[in-house]
């Protein structure tokens, strides 16, 4: 089920990018880099509402989404480490 949802999100992302006049290959690479269905849906929303005219803007948003995800993961790791440290005290 999850794999099917990921494939649907990837196909939707590629469609949105092609719809803006960019090659499908760009969509495939962006989807691969984003990785998760949630990240791809976030990118689709950006594409749908902003309608960027340059590939650089698409890549910039992809990098921003990846950065947000990485920051969230780091925050959760720090919170978990703090919780374990507090248990030791």
PDB file of N, CA and C in Angstrom:
ATOM      1  N   UNK A   1       0.826  -1.201   0.000  1.00  0.00           N
ATOM      2  CA  UNK A   1       0.000   0.000   0.000  1.00  0.00           C
ATOM      3  C   UNK A   1       0.867   1.262   0.000  1.00  0.00           C
ATOM      4  N   UNK A   2       1.872   1.296   0.873  1.00  0.00           N
ATOM      5  CA  UNK A   2       2.735   2.472   0.961  1.00  0.00           C
ATOM      6  C   UNK A   2       3.512   2.667  -0.333  1.00  0.00           C
ATOM      7  N   UNK A   3       3.992   1.560  -0.912  1.00  0.00           N
ATOM      8  CA  UNK A   3       4.741   1.635  -2.158  1.00  0.00           C
ATOM      9  C   UNK A   3       3.850   2.165  -3.290  1.00  0.00           C
ATOM     10  N   UNK A   4       2.602   1.745  -3.281  1.00  0.00           N
ATOM     11  CA  UNK A   4       1.646   2.208  -4.297  1.00  0.00           C
ATOM     12  C   UNK A   4       1.398   3.703  -4.135  1.00  0.00           C
ATOM     13  N   UNK A   5       1.245   4.168  -2.885  1.00  0.00           N
ATOM     14  CA  UNK A   5       1.024   5.593  -2.625  1.00  0.00           C
ATOM     15  C   UNK A   5       2.239   6.411  -3.057  1.00  0.00           C
ATOM     16  N   UNK A   6       3.447   5.867  -2.819  1.00  0.00           N
ATOM     17  CA  UNK A   6       4.670   6.556  -3.223  1.00  0.00           C
ATOM     18  C   UNK A   6       4.705   6.690  -4.751  1.00  0.00           C
ATOM     19  N   UNK A   7       4.349   5.620  -5.439  1.00  0.00           N
ATOM     20  CA  UNK A   7       4.350   5.631  -6.908  1.00  0.00           C
ATOM     21  C   UNK A   7       3.334   6.624  -7.452  1.00  0.00           C
ATOM     22  N   UNK A   8       2.179   6.679  -6.831  1.00  0.00           N
ATOM     23  CA  UNK A   8       1.159   7.638  -7.261  1.00  0.00           C
ATOM     24  C   UNK A   8       1.654   9.066  -7.053  1.00  0.00           C
ATOM     25  N   UNK A   9       2.260   9.332  -5.895  1.00  0.00           N
ATOM     26  CA  UNK A   9       2.796  10.672  -5.619  1.00  0.00           C
ATOM     27  C   UNK A   9       3.894  11.029  -6.621  1.00  0.00           C
ATOM     28  N   UNK A  10       4.759  10.062  -6.926  1.00  0.00           N
ATOM     29  CA  UNK A  10       5.831  10.303  -7.903  1.00  0.00           C
ATOM     30  C   UNK A  10       5.246  10.634  -9.263  1.00  0.00           C
ATOM     31  N   UNK A  11       4.258   9.868  -9.688  1.00  0.00           N
ATOM     32  CA  UNK A  11       3.627  10.109 -10.984  1.00  0.00           C
ATOM     33  C   UNK A  11       2.939  11.475 -11.019  1.00  0.00           C
ATOM     34  N   UNK A  12       2.292  11.841  -9.913  1.00  0.00           N
ATOM     35  CA  UNK A  12       1.650  13.153  -9.832  1.00  0.00           C
ATOM     36  C   UNK A  12       2.684  14.273  -9.916  1.00  0.00           C
ATOM     37  N   UNK A  13       3.819  14.091  -9.253  1.00  0.00           N
ATOM     38  CA  UNK A  13       4.887  15.095  -9.278  1.00  0.00           C
ATOM     39  C   UNK A  13       5.449  15.243 -10.694  1.00  0.00           C
ATOM     40  N   UNK A  14       5.721  14.132 -11.333  1.00  0.00           N
ATOM     41  CA  UNK A  14       6.240  14.165 -12.708  1.00  0.00           C
ATOM     42  C   UNK A  14       5.221  14.848 -13.624  1.00  0.00           C
ATOM     43  N   UNK A  15       3.945  14.532 -13.451  1.00  0.00           N
ATOM     44  CA  UNK A  15       2.897  15.155 -14.260  1.00  0.00           C
ATOM     45  C   UNK A  15       2.889  16.671 -14.074  1.00  0.00           C
ATOM     46  N   UNK A  16       2.941  17.133 -12.820  1.00  0.00           N
ATOM     47  CA  UNK A  16       2.930  18.583 -12.545  1.00  0.00           C
ATOM     48  C   UNK A  16       4.127  19.271 -13.183  1.00  0.00           C
ATOM     49  N   UNK A  17       5.296  18.649 -13.094  1.00  0.00           N
ATOM     50  CA  UNK A  17       6.502  19.243 -13.677  1.00  0.00           C
ATOM     51  C   UNK A  17       6.396  19.278 -15.194  1.00  0.00           C
ATOM     52  N   UNK A  18       5.906  18.212 -15.785  1.00  0.00           N
ATOM     53  CA  UNK A  18       5.709  18.200 -17.243  1.00  0.00           C
ATOM     54  C   UNK A  18       4.661  19.232 -17.662  1.00  0.00           C
ATOM     55  N   UNK A  19       3.635  19.374 -16.863  1.00  0.00           N
ATOM     56  CA  UNK A  19       2.566  20.329 -17.143  1.00  0.00           C
ATOM     57  C   UNK A  19       3.089  21.767 -17.180  1.00  0.00           C
ATOM     58  N   UNK A  20       4.173  22.029 -16.449  1.00  0.00           N
ATOM     59  CA  UNK A  20       4.788  23.357 -16.441  1.00  0.00           C
ATOM     60  C   UNK A  20       5.766  23.541 -17.608  1.00  0.00           C
ATOM     61  N   UNK A  21       5.964  22.485 -18.396  1.00  0.00           N
ATOM     62  CA  UNK A  21       6.815  22.583 -19.574  1.00  0.00           C
ATOM     63  C   UNK A  21       8.232  22.079 -19.377  1.00  0.00           C
ATOM     64  N   UNK A  22       8.487  21.400 -18.283  1.00  0.00           N
ATOM     65  CA  UNK A  22       9.816  20.855 -18.016  1.00  0.00           C
ATOM     66  C   UNK A  22       9.845  19.376 -18.383  1.00  0.00           C
ATOM     67  N   UNK A  23      11.036  18.817 -18.608  1.00  0.00           N
ATOM     68  CA  UNK A  23      11.117  17.399 -18.977  1.00  0.00           C
ATOM     69  C   UNK A  23      10.743  16.466 -17.817  1.00  0.00           C
ATOM     70  N   UNK A  24      10.203  15.319 -18.171  1.00  0.00           N
ATOM     71  CA  UNK A  24       9.818  14.329 -17.164  1.00  0.00           C
ATOM     72  C   UNK A  24      11.017  13.876 -16.346  1.00  0.00           C
ATOM     73  N   UNK A  25      12.192  13.884 -16.953  1.00  0.00           N
ATOM     74  CA  UNK A  25      13.405  13.472 -16.248  1.00  0.00           C
ATOM     75  C   UNK A  25      13.659  14.340 -15.012  1.00  0.00           C
ATOM     76  N   UNK A  26      13.347  15.633 -15.114  1.00  0.00           N
ATOM     77  CA  UNK A  26      13.490  16.522 -13.949  1.00  0.00           C
ATOM     78  C   UNK A  26      12.570  16.056 -12.831  1.00  0.00           C
ATOM     79  N   UNK A  27      11.350  15.708 -13.182  1.00  0.00           N
ATOM     80  CA  UNK A  27      10.400  15.208 -12.185  1.00  0.00           C
ATOM     81  C   UNK A  27      10.867  13.930 -11.532  1.00  0.00           C
ATOM     82  N   UNK A  28      11.419  13.028 -12.321  1.00  0.00           N
ATOM     83  CA  UNK A  28      11.932  11.762 -11.789  1.00  0.00           C
ATOM     84  C   UNK A  28      13.058  12.013 -10.790  1.00  0.00           C
ATOM     85  N   UNK A  29      13.967  12.916 -11.143  1.00  0.00           N
ATOM     86  CA  UNK A  29      15.105  13.212 -10.265  1.00  0.00           C
ATOM     87  C   UNK A  29      14.667  13.920  -8.990  1.00  0.00           C
ATOM     88  N   UNK A  30      13.725  14.839  -9.111  1.00  0.00           N
ATOM     89  CA  UNK A  30      13.207  15.531  -7.927  1.00  0.00           C
ATOM     90  C   UNK A  30      12.516  14.534  -7.006  1.00  0.00           C
ATOM     91  N   UNK A  31      11.714  13.650  -7.569  1.00  0.00           N
ATOM     92  CA  UNK A  31      11.017  12.641  -6.762  1.00  0.00           C
ATOM     93  C   UNK A  31      12.006  11.744  -6.032  1.00  0.00           C
ATOM     94  N   UNK A  32      13.046  11.318  -6.727  1.00  0.00           N
ATOM     95  CA  UNK A  32      14.058  10.457  -6.119  1.00  0.00           C
ATOM     96  C   UNK A  32      14.754  11.179  -4.969  1.00  0.00           C
ATOM     97  N   UNK A  33      15.062  12.459  -5.162  1.00  0.00           N
ATOM     98  CA  UNK A  33      15.756  13.225  -4.137  1.00  0.00           C
ATOM     99  C   UNK A  33      14.861  13.469  -2.917  1.00  0.00           C
ATOM    100  N   UNK A  34      13.595  13.773  -3.158  1.00  0.00           N
ATOM    101  CA  UNK A  34      12.688  14.033  -2.041  1.00  0.00           C
ATOM    102  C   UNK A  34      12.433  12.769  -1.234  1.00  0.00           C
ATOM    103  N   UNK A  35      12.245  11.667  -1.922  1.00  0.00           N
ATOM    104  CA  UNK A  35      12.165  10.380  -1.253  1.00  0.00           C
ATOM    105  C   UNK A  35      10.802   9.979  -0.721  1.00  0.00           C
ATOM    106  N   UNK A  36      10.158  10.811   0.068  1.00  0.00           N
ATOM    107  CA  UNK A  36       8.912  10.386   0.712  1.00  0.00           C
ATOM    108  C   UNK A  36       7.687  10.938  -0.008  1.00  0.00           C
ATOM    109  N   UNK A  37       6.591  10.249   0.191  1.00  0.00           N
ATOM    110  CA  UNK A  37       5.324  10.684  -0.408  1.00  0.00           C
ATOM    111  C   UNK A  37       4.935  12.062   0.124  1.00  0.00           C
ATOM    112  N   UNK A  38       5.098  12.270   1.415  1.00  0.00           N
ATOM    113  CA  UNK A  38       4.721  13.551   2.028  1.00  0.00           C
ATOM    114  C   UNK A  38       5.532  14.704   1.425  1.00  0.00           C
ATOM    115  N   UNK A  39       6.825  14.494   1.237  1.00  0.00           N
ATOM    116  CA  UNK A  39       7.675  15.528   0.647  1.00  0.00           C
ATOM    117  C   UNK A  39       7.258  15.810  -0.793  1.00  0.00           C
ATOM    118  N   UNK A  40       6.921  14.761  -1.527  1.00  0.00           N
ATOM    119  CA  UNK A  40       6.490  14.950  -2.910  1.00  0.00           C
ATOM    120  C   UNK A  40       5.166  15.703  -2.971  1.00  0.00           C
ATOM    121  N   UNK A  41       4.254  15.402  -2.053  1.00  0.00           N
ATOM    122  CA  UNK A  41       2.970  16.115  -2.016  1.00  0.00           C
ATOM    123  C   UNK A  41       3.197  17.596  -1.695  1.00  0.00           C
ATOM    124  N   UNK A  42       4.150  17.871  -0.826  1.00  0.00           N
ATOM    125  CA  UNK A  42       4.483  19.266  -0.510  1.00  0.00           C
ATOM    126  C   UNK A  42       5.023  19.979  -1.756  1.00  0.00           C
ATOM    127  N   UNK A  43       5.853  19.292  -2.510  1.00  0.00           N
ATOM    128  CA  UNK A  43       6.405  19.864  -3.735  1.00  0.00           C
ATOM    129  C   UNK A  43       5.308  20.069  -4.773  1.00  0.00           C
ATOM    130  N   UNK A  44       4.387  19.127  -4.870  1.00  0.00           N
ATOM    131  CA  UNK A  44       3.272  19.253  -5.813  1.00  0.00           C
ATOM    132  C   UNK A  44       2.446  20.493  -5.475  1.00  0.00           C
ATOM    133  N   UNK A  45       2.192  20.725  -4.201  1.00  0.00           N
ATOM    134  CA  UNK A  45       1.435  21.904  -3.791  1.00  0.00           C
ATOM    135  C   UNK A  45       2.175  23.176  -4.210  1.00  0.00           C
ATOM    136  N   UNK A  46       3.482  23.196  -4.005  1.00  0.00           N
ATOM    137  CA  UNK A  46       4.289  24.349  -4.431  1.00  0.00           C
ATOM    138  C   UNK A  46       4.157  24.567  -5.941  1.00  0.00           C
ATOM    139  N   UNK A  47       4.318  23.512  -6.701  1.00  0.00           N
ATOM    140  CA  UNK A  47       4.248  23.621  -8.161  1.00  0.00           C
ATOM    141  C   UNK A  47       2.872  24.099  -8.617  1.00  0.00           C
ATOM    142  N   UNK A  48       1.847  23.586  -7.960  1.00  0.00           N
ATOM    143  CA  UNK A  48       0.480  23.906  -8.342  1.00  0.00           C
ATOM    144  C   UNK A  48       0.148  25.375  -8.094  1.00  0.00           C
ATOM    145  N   UNK A  49       0.594  25.902  -6.946  1.00  0.00           N
ATOM    146  CA  UNK A  49       0.222  27.269  -6.581  1.00  0.00           C
ATOM    147  C   UNK A  49       1.197  28.328  -7.078  1.00  0.00           C
ATOM    148  N   UNK A  50       2.496  28.014  -7.122  1.00  0.00           N
ATOM    149  CA  UNK A  50       3.496  29.006  -7.520  1.00  0.00           C
ATOM    150  C   UNK A  50       3.707  29.003  -9.031  1.00  0.00           C
ATOM    151  N   UNK A  51       3.648  27.833  -9.638  1.00  0.00           N
ATOM    152  CA  UNK A  51       3.881  27.668 -11.074  1.00  0.00           C
ATOM    153  C   UNK A  51       5.207  28.309 -11.513  1.00  0.00           C
ATOM    154  N   UNK A  52       6.317  27.800 -10.986  1.00  0.00           N
ATOM    155  CA  UNK A  52       7.620  28.391 -11.320  1.00  0.00           C
ATOM    156  C   UNK A  52       7.924  28.258 -12.813  1.00  0.00           C
ATOM    157  N   UNK A  53       8.629  29.254 -13.336  1.00  0.00           N
ATOM    158  CA  UNK A  53       8.970  29.272 -14.760  1.00  0.00           C
ATOM    159  C   UNK A  53      10.406  28.850 -15.028  1.00  0.00           C
ATOM    160  N   UNK A  54      11.187  28.648 -13.970  1.00  0.00           N
ATOM    161  CA  UNK A  54      12.584  28.243 -14.134  1.00  0.00           C
ATOM    162  C   UNK A  54      12.835  26.953 -13.359  1.00  0.00           C
ATOM    163  N   UNK A  55      13.635  26.076 -13.951  1.00  0.00           N
ATOM    164  CA  UNK A  55      13.979  24.812 -13.287  1.00  0.00           C
ATOM    165  C   UNK A  55      14.731  25.075 -11.980  1.00  0.00           C
ATOM    166  N   UNK A  56      15.495  26.172 -11.950  1.00  0.00           N
ATOM    167  CA  UNK A  56      16.255  26.511 -10.743  1.00  0.00           C
ATOM    168  C   UNK A  56      15.335  26.731  -9.547  1.00  0.00           C
ATOM    169  N   UNK A  57      14.159  27.300  -9.777  1.00  0.00           N
ATOM    170  CA  UNK A  57      13.209  27.520  -8.685  1.00  0.00           C
ATOM    171  C   UNK A  57      12.660  26.195  -8.160  1.00  0.00           C
ATOM    172  N   UNK A  58      12.462  25.254  -9.055  1.00  0.00           N
ATOM    173  CA  UNK A  58      11.991  23.923  -8.644  1.00  0.00           C
ATOM    174  C   UNK A  58      13.061  23.249  -7.791  1.00  0.00           C
ATOM    175  N   UNK A  59      14.292  23.320  -8.245  1.00  0.00           N
ATOM    176  CA  UNK A  59      15.395  22.697  -7.504  1.00  0.00           C
ATOM    177  C   UNK A  59      15.593  23.391  -6.160  1.00  0.00           C
ATOM    178  N   UNK A  60      15.484  24.719  -6.121  1.00  0.00           N
ATOM    179  CA  UNK A  60      15.610  25.442  -4.856  1.00  0.00           C
ATOM    180  C   UNK A  60      14.555  24.999  -3.852  1.00  0.00           C
ATOM    181  N   UNK A  61      13.318  24.839  -4.317  1.00  0.00           N
ATOM    182  CA  UNK A  61      12.254  24.394  -3.408  1.00  0.00           C
ATOM    183  C   UNK A  61      12.496  22.961  -2.952  1.00  0.00           C
ATOM    184  N   UNK A  62      12.973  22.116  -3.858  1.00  0.00           N
ATOM    185  CA  UNK A  62      13.297  20.739  -3.489  1.00  0.00           C
ATOM    186  C   UNK A  62      14.348  20.723  -2.378  1.00  0.00           C
ATOM    187  N   UNK A  63      15.383  21.545  -2.542  1.00  0.00           N
ATOM    188  CA  UNK A  63      16.441  21.615  -1.531  1.00  0.00           C
ATOM    189  C   UNK A  63      15.911  22.161  -0.208  1.00  0.00           C
ATOM    190  N   UNK A  64      15.006  23.122  -0.265  1.00  0.00           N
ATOM    191  CA  UNK A  64      14.407  23.668   0.956  1.00  0.00           C
ATOM    192  C   UNK A  64      13.590  22.603   1.683  1.00  0.00           C
ATOM    193  N   UNK A  65      12.841  21.825   0.935  1.00  0.00           N
ATOM    194  CA  UNK A  65      12.051  20.746   1.542  1.00  0.00           C
ATOM    195  C   UNK A  65      12.977  19.713   2.177  1.00  0.00           C
ATOM    196  N   UNK A  66      14.033  19.330   1.465  1.00  0.00           N
ATOM    197  CA  UNK A  66      14.998  18.367   2.008  1.00  0.00           C
ATOM    198  C   UNK A  66      15.649  18.909   3.274  1.00  0.00           C
ATOM    199  N   UNK A  67      15.969  20.195   3.278  1.00  0.00           N
ATOM    200  CA  UNK A  67      16.577  20.823   4.451  1.00  0.00           C
ATOM    201  C   UNK A  67      15.609  20.820   5.634  1.00  0.00           C
ATOM    202  N   UNK A  68      14.347  21.120   5.382  1.00  0.00           N
ATOM    203  CA  UNK A  68      13.333  21.087   6.449  1.00  0.00           C
ATOM    204  C   UNK A  68      13.219  19.692   7.051  1.00  0.00           C
ATOM    205  N   UNK A  69      13.232  18.697   6.209  1.00  0.00           N
ATOM    206  CA  UNK A  69      13.128  17.316   6.676  1.00  0.00           C
ATOM    207  C   UNK A  69      14.343  16.954   7.532  1.00  0.00           C
ATOM    208  N   UNK A  70      15.524  17.324   7.071  1.00  0.00           N
ATOM    209  CA  UNK A  70      16.752  17.031   7.817  1.00  0.00           C
ATOM    210  C   UNK A  70      16.757  17.745   9.162  1.00  0.00           C
ATOM    211  N   UNK A  71      16.321  18.999   9.189  1.00  0.00           N
ATOM    212  CA  UNK A  71      16.250  19.741  10.458  1.00  0.00           C
ATOM    213  C   UNK A  71      15.259  19.103  11.416  1.00  0.00           C
ATOM    214  N   UNK A  72      14.130  18.623  10.896  1.00  0.00           N
ATOM    215  CA  UNK A  72      13.135  17.966  11.733  1.00  0.00           C
ATOM    216  C   UNK A  72      13.709  16.685  12.333  1.00  0.00           C
ATOM    217  N   UNK A  73      14.443  15.910  11.516  1.00  0.00           N
ATOM    218  CA  UNK A  73      15.056  14.672  12.003  1.00  0.00           C
ATOM    219  C   UNK A  73      16.073  14.966  13.108  1.00  0.00           C
ATOM    220  N   UNK A  74      16.885  16.011  12.919  1.00  0.00           N
ATOM    221  CA  UNK A  74      17.867  16.383  13.941  1.00  0.00           C
ATOM    222  C   UNK A  74      17.180  16.807  15.232  1.00  0.00           C
ATOM    223  N   UNK A  75      16.104  17.579  15.097  1.00  0.00           N
ATOM    224  CA  UNK A  75      15.358  18.029  16.276  1.00  0.00           C
ATOM    225  C   UNK A  75      14.813  16.838  17.049  1.00  0.00           C
ATOM    226  N   UNK A  76      14.239  15.876  16.347  1.00  0.00           N
ATOM    227  CA  UNK A  76      13.691  14.687  17.008  1.00  0.00           C
ATOM    228  C   UNK A  76      14.788  13.874  17.684  1.00  0.00           C
ATOM    229  N   UNK A  77      15.961  13.786  17.063  1.00  0.00           N
ATOM    230  CA  UNK A  77      17.075  13.052  17.671  1.00  0.00           C
ATOM    231  C   UNK A  77      17.538  13.742  18.948  1.00  0.00           C
ATOM    232  N   UNK A  78      17.600  15.061  18.927  1.00  0.00           N
ATOM    233  CA  UNK A  78      18.010  15.814  20.123  1.00  0.00           C
ATOM    234  C   UNK A  78      16.968  15.646  21.223  1.00  0.00           C
ATOM    235  N   UNK A  79      15.703  15.708  20.874  1.00  0.00           N
ATOM    236  CA  UNK A  79      14.646  15.521  21.870  1.00  0.00           C
ATOM    237  C   UNK A  79      14.725  14.139  22.505  1.00  0.00           C
ATOM    238  N   UNK A  80      14.995  13.134  21.684  1.00  0.00           N
ATOM    239  CA  UNK A  80      15.104  11.769  22.202  1.00  0.00           C
ATOM    240  C   UNK A  80      16.313  11.637  23.128  1.00  0.00           C
ATOM    241  N   UNK A  81      17.429  12.231  22.724  1.00  0.00           N
ATOM    242  CA  UNK A  81      18.632  12.189  23.565  1.00  0.00           C
ATOM    243  C   UNK A  81      18.388  12.916  24.887  1.00  0.00           C
ATOM    244  N   UNK A  82      17.713  14.046  24.845  1.00  0.00           N
ATOM    245  CA  UNK A  82      17.403  14.778  26.076  1.00  0.00           C
ATOM    246  C   UNK A  82      16.490  13.974  26.996  1.00  0.00           C
ATOM    247  N   UNK A  83      15.520  13.289  26.407  1.00  0.00           N
ATOM    248  CA  UNK A  83      14.609  12.470  27.206  1.00  0.00           C
ATOM    249  C   UNK A  83      15.371  11.343  27.905  1.00  0.00           C
ATOM    250  N   UNK A  84      16.295  10.698  27.196  1.00  0.00           N
ATOM    251  CA  UNK A  84      17.090   9.629  27.798  1.00  0.00           C
ATOM    252  C   UNK A  84      18.012  10.170  28.884  1.00  0.00           C
ATOM    253  N   UNK A  85      18.592  11.336  28.633  1.00  0.00           N
ATOM    254  CA  UNK A  85      19.465  11.967  29.636  1.00  0.00           C
ATOM    255  C   UNK A  85      18.668  12.311  30.891  1.00  0.00           C
ATOM    256  N   UNK A  86      17.476  12.845  30.722  1.00  0.00           N
ATOM    257  CA  UNK A  86      16.627  13.185  31.871  1.00  0.00           C
ATOM    258  C   UNK A  86      16.229  11.950  32.660  1.00  0.00           C
ATOM    259  N   UNK A  87      16.034  10.831  31.977  1.00  0.00           N
ATOM    260  CA  UNK A  87      15.725   9.579  32.678  1.00  0.00           C
ATOM    261  C   UNK A  87      16.899   9.149  33.554  1.00  0.00           C
ATOM    262  N   UNK A  88      18.106   9.347  33.053  1.00  0.00           N
ATOM    263  CA  UNK A  88      19.288   8.993  33.842  1.00  0.00           C
ATOM    264  C   UNK A  88      19.422   9.847  35.094  1.00  0.00           C
ATOM    265  N   UNK A  89      19.027  11.096  34.986  1.00  0.00           N
ATOM    266  CA  UNK A  89      19.122  11.991  36.148  1.00  0.00           C
ATOM    267  C   UNK A  89      18.096  11.598  37.159  1.00  0.00           C
TER     268      UNK A  89
END
